[in-house]
N, C-alpha and C. Protein backbone atom coordinates (compact mmCIF):
# COMPACT_ATOMS: atom_id res chain seq x y z
N MET A 1 -49.99 -54.46 -44.92
CA MET A 1 -49.62 -53.97 -43.61
C MET A 1 -50.62 -52.88 -43.20
N PRO A 2 -51.30 -53.04 -42.06
CA PRO A 2 -52.28 -52.03 -41.63
C PRO A 2 -51.60 -50.76 -41.14
N SER A 3 -52.28 -49.66 -41.36
CA SER A 3 -51.74 -48.38 -40.88
C SER A 3 -52.26 -48.09 -39.48
N ILE A 4 -51.63 -47.17 -38.79
CA ILE A 4 -51.99 -46.85 -37.41
C ILE A 4 -53.36 -46.21 -37.33
N GLY A 5 -53.68 -45.33 -38.22
CA GLY A 5 -54.99 -44.68 -38.23
C GLY A 5 -55.15 -43.68 -37.10
N TYR A 6 -56.35 -43.62 -36.55
CA TYR A 6 -56.64 -42.68 -35.47
C TYR A 6 -56.39 -43.34 -34.12
N GLY A 7 -55.16 -43.53 -33.76
CA GLY A 7 -54.82 -44.15 -32.49
C GLY A 7 -54.97 -43.17 -31.34
N THR A 8 -55.25 -43.71 -30.16
CA THR A 8 -55.36 -42.87 -28.97
C THR A 8 -54.13 -43.09 -28.10
N ASN A 9 -53.91 -42.17 -27.18
CA ASN A 9 -52.79 -42.26 -26.27
C ASN A 9 -52.97 -43.48 -25.37
N LYS A 10 -51.95 -44.32 -25.23
CA LYS A 10 -52.07 -45.54 -24.44
C LYS A 10 -52.28 -45.26 -22.96
N LYS A 11 -51.77 -44.15 -22.46
CA LYS A 11 -51.92 -43.83 -21.04
C LYS A 11 -53.35 -43.44 -20.69
N THR A 12 -54.08 -42.86 -21.61
CA THR A 12 -55.44 -42.39 -21.32
C THR A 12 -56.50 -43.17 -22.10
N LYS A 13 -56.15 -44.30 -22.65
CA LYS A 13 -57.07 -45.05 -23.50
C LYS A 13 -58.30 -45.54 -22.74
N THR A 14 -58.13 -46.06 -21.52
CA THR A 14 -59.25 -46.60 -20.76
C THR A 14 -59.80 -45.62 -19.73
N MET A 15 -59.30 -44.40 -19.72
CA MET A 15 -59.78 -43.40 -18.77
C MET A 15 -61.15 -42.88 -19.20
N LEU A 16 -62.02 -42.65 -18.23
CA LEU A 16 -63.34 -42.09 -18.51
C LEU A 16 -63.22 -40.61 -18.83
N SER A 17 -64.26 -40.03 -19.39
CA SER A 17 -64.22 -38.61 -19.75
C SER A 17 -64.16 -37.71 -18.52
N SER A 18 -64.53 -38.24 -17.35
CA SER A 18 -64.46 -37.46 -16.12
C SER A 18 -63.05 -37.42 -15.55
N GLY A 19 -62.14 -38.21 -16.10
CA GLY A 19 -60.76 -38.24 -15.62
C GLY A 19 -60.48 -39.39 -14.66
N PHE A 20 -61.46 -40.23 -14.40
CA PHE A 20 -61.29 -41.37 -13.50
C PHE A 20 -61.12 -42.65 -14.30
N TRP A 21 -60.52 -43.66 -13.64
CA TRP A 21 -60.47 -44.99 -14.20
C TRP A 21 -61.55 -45.83 -13.53
N LYS A 22 -62.18 -46.71 -14.28
CA LYS A 22 -63.26 -47.55 -13.77
C LYS A 22 -62.67 -48.75 -13.04
N PHE A 23 -63.22 -49.07 -11.86
CA PHE A 23 -62.78 -50.20 -11.05
C PHE A 23 -63.99 -51.06 -10.75
N LEU A 24 -63.97 -52.31 -11.14
CA LEU A 24 -65.09 -53.22 -10.95
C LEU A 24 -65.03 -53.81 -9.54
N VAL A 25 -66.09 -53.60 -8.75
CA VAL A 25 -66.14 -54.03 -7.36
C VAL A 25 -67.03 -55.26 -7.23
N HIS A 26 -66.48 -56.33 -6.63
CA HIS A 26 -67.23 -57.56 -6.42
C HIS A 26 -67.63 -57.76 -4.97
N ASN A 27 -66.89 -57.18 -4.02
CA ASN A 27 -67.21 -57.36 -2.60
C ASN A 27 -66.76 -56.13 -1.81
N VAL A 28 -67.00 -56.16 -0.51
CA VAL A 28 -66.72 -55.01 0.35
C VAL A 28 -65.22 -54.77 0.48
N LYS A 29 -64.42 -55.84 0.49
CA LYS A 29 -62.97 -55.68 0.61
C LYS A 29 -62.40 -54.88 -0.56
N GLU A 30 -62.89 -55.15 -1.74
CA GLU A 30 -62.42 -54.40 -2.91
C GLU A 30 -62.85 -52.94 -2.82
N LEU A 31 -64.00 -52.70 -2.25
CA LEU A 31 -64.46 -51.32 -2.08
C LEU A 31 -63.59 -50.58 -1.07
N GLU A 32 -63.15 -51.26 -0.02
CA GLU A 32 -62.26 -50.64 0.97
C GLU A 32 -60.91 -50.30 0.35
N VAL A 33 -60.42 -51.15 -0.53
CA VAL A 33 -59.16 -50.86 -1.23
C VAL A 33 -59.33 -49.63 -2.11
N LEU A 34 -60.49 -49.50 -2.69
CA LEU A 34 -60.76 -48.37 -3.57
C LEU A 34 -60.80 -47.05 -2.81
N LEU A 35 -61.19 -47.07 -1.54
CA LEU A 35 -61.24 -45.85 -0.74
C LEU A 35 -59.87 -45.21 -0.58
N ILE A 36 -58.82 -46.01 -0.64
CA ILE A 36 -57.46 -45.48 -0.54
C ILE A 36 -57.12 -44.66 -1.79
N ARG A 37 -57.58 -45.09 -2.94
CA ARG A 37 -57.26 -44.44 -4.22
C ARG A 37 -58.46 -43.68 -4.79
N ASN A 38 -59.24 -43.02 -3.94
CA ASN A 38 -60.51 -42.44 -4.38
C ASN A 38 -60.36 -41.21 -5.27
N LYS A 39 -59.16 -40.67 -5.45
CA LYS A 39 -59.00 -39.50 -6.30
C LYS A 39 -58.74 -39.87 -7.76
N SER A 40 -58.49 -41.14 -8.04
CA SER A 40 -58.20 -41.51 -9.42
C SER A 40 -59.07 -42.65 -9.96
N TYR A 41 -59.83 -43.33 -9.10
CA TYR A 41 -60.67 -44.44 -9.54
C TYR A 41 -62.12 -44.22 -9.12
N CYS A 42 -63.05 -44.74 -9.92
CA CYS A 42 -64.46 -44.74 -9.54
C CYS A 42 -64.94 -46.19 -9.53
N ALA A 43 -65.91 -46.47 -8.70
CA ALA A 43 -66.38 -47.85 -8.51
C ALA A 43 -67.55 -48.15 -9.43
N GLU A 44 -67.55 -49.36 -9.94
CA GLU A 44 -68.69 -49.88 -10.68
C GLU A 44 -69.02 -51.23 -10.07
N THR A 45 -70.26 -51.43 -9.67
CA THR A 45 -70.67 -52.67 -9.04
C THR A 45 -70.77 -53.77 -10.10
N ALA A 46 -70.21 -54.91 -9.79
CA ALA A 46 -70.22 -56.04 -10.72
C ALA A 46 -71.65 -56.54 -10.94
N HIS A 47 -71.86 -57.15 -12.07
CA HIS A 47 -73.20 -57.61 -12.44
C HIS A 47 -73.70 -58.72 -11.52
N ASN A 48 -72.79 -59.56 -11.02
CA ASN A 48 -73.21 -60.71 -10.23
C ASN A 48 -73.38 -60.39 -8.75
N VAL A 49 -73.33 -59.12 -8.34
CA VAL A 49 -73.58 -58.73 -6.95
C VAL A 49 -75.09 -58.56 -6.79
N SER A 50 -75.65 -59.16 -5.74
CA SER A 50 -77.10 -59.14 -5.55
C SER A 50 -77.61 -57.75 -5.17
N PHE A 51 -78.90 -57.56 -5.29
CA PHE A 51 -79.53 -56.27 -5.00
C PHE A 51 -79.39 -55.91 -3.53
N LYS A 52 -79.52 -56.89 -2.65
CA LYS A 52 -79.41 -56.63 -1.21
C LYS A 52 -78.02 -56.13 -0.84
N LYS A 53 -76.99 -56.68 -1.45
CA LYS A 53 -75.62 -56.26 -1.16
C LYS A 53 -75.29 -54.91 -1.77
N ARG A 54 -76.02 -54.50 -2.79
CA ARG A 54 -75.78 -53.20 -3.41
C ARG A 54 -76.29 -52.05 -2.55
N GLN A 55 -77.26 -52.31 -1.67
CA GLN A 55 -77.85 -51.27 -0.84
C GLN A 55 -76.86 -50.81 0.22
N SER A 56 -76.78 -49.50 0.43
CA SER A 56 -75.90 -48.98 1.48
C SER A 56 -76.62 -49.02 2.81
N HIS A 57 -75.89 -49.26 3.85
CA HIS A 57 -76.49 -49.40 5.18
C HIS A 57 -76.46 -48.08 5.89
């Protein structure tokens, strides 16, 4: 039977060290949803988003 070991708190397990949760953005609609919750989430652009779409206008 394995022991628990050095377990982390489940509530803060995926939280970044800055205190934000990472949110993967694939399109502009997802980014607009993120603007509502901008105090607790940070955006990360998905790998399959092209360079032209990553540029801010």
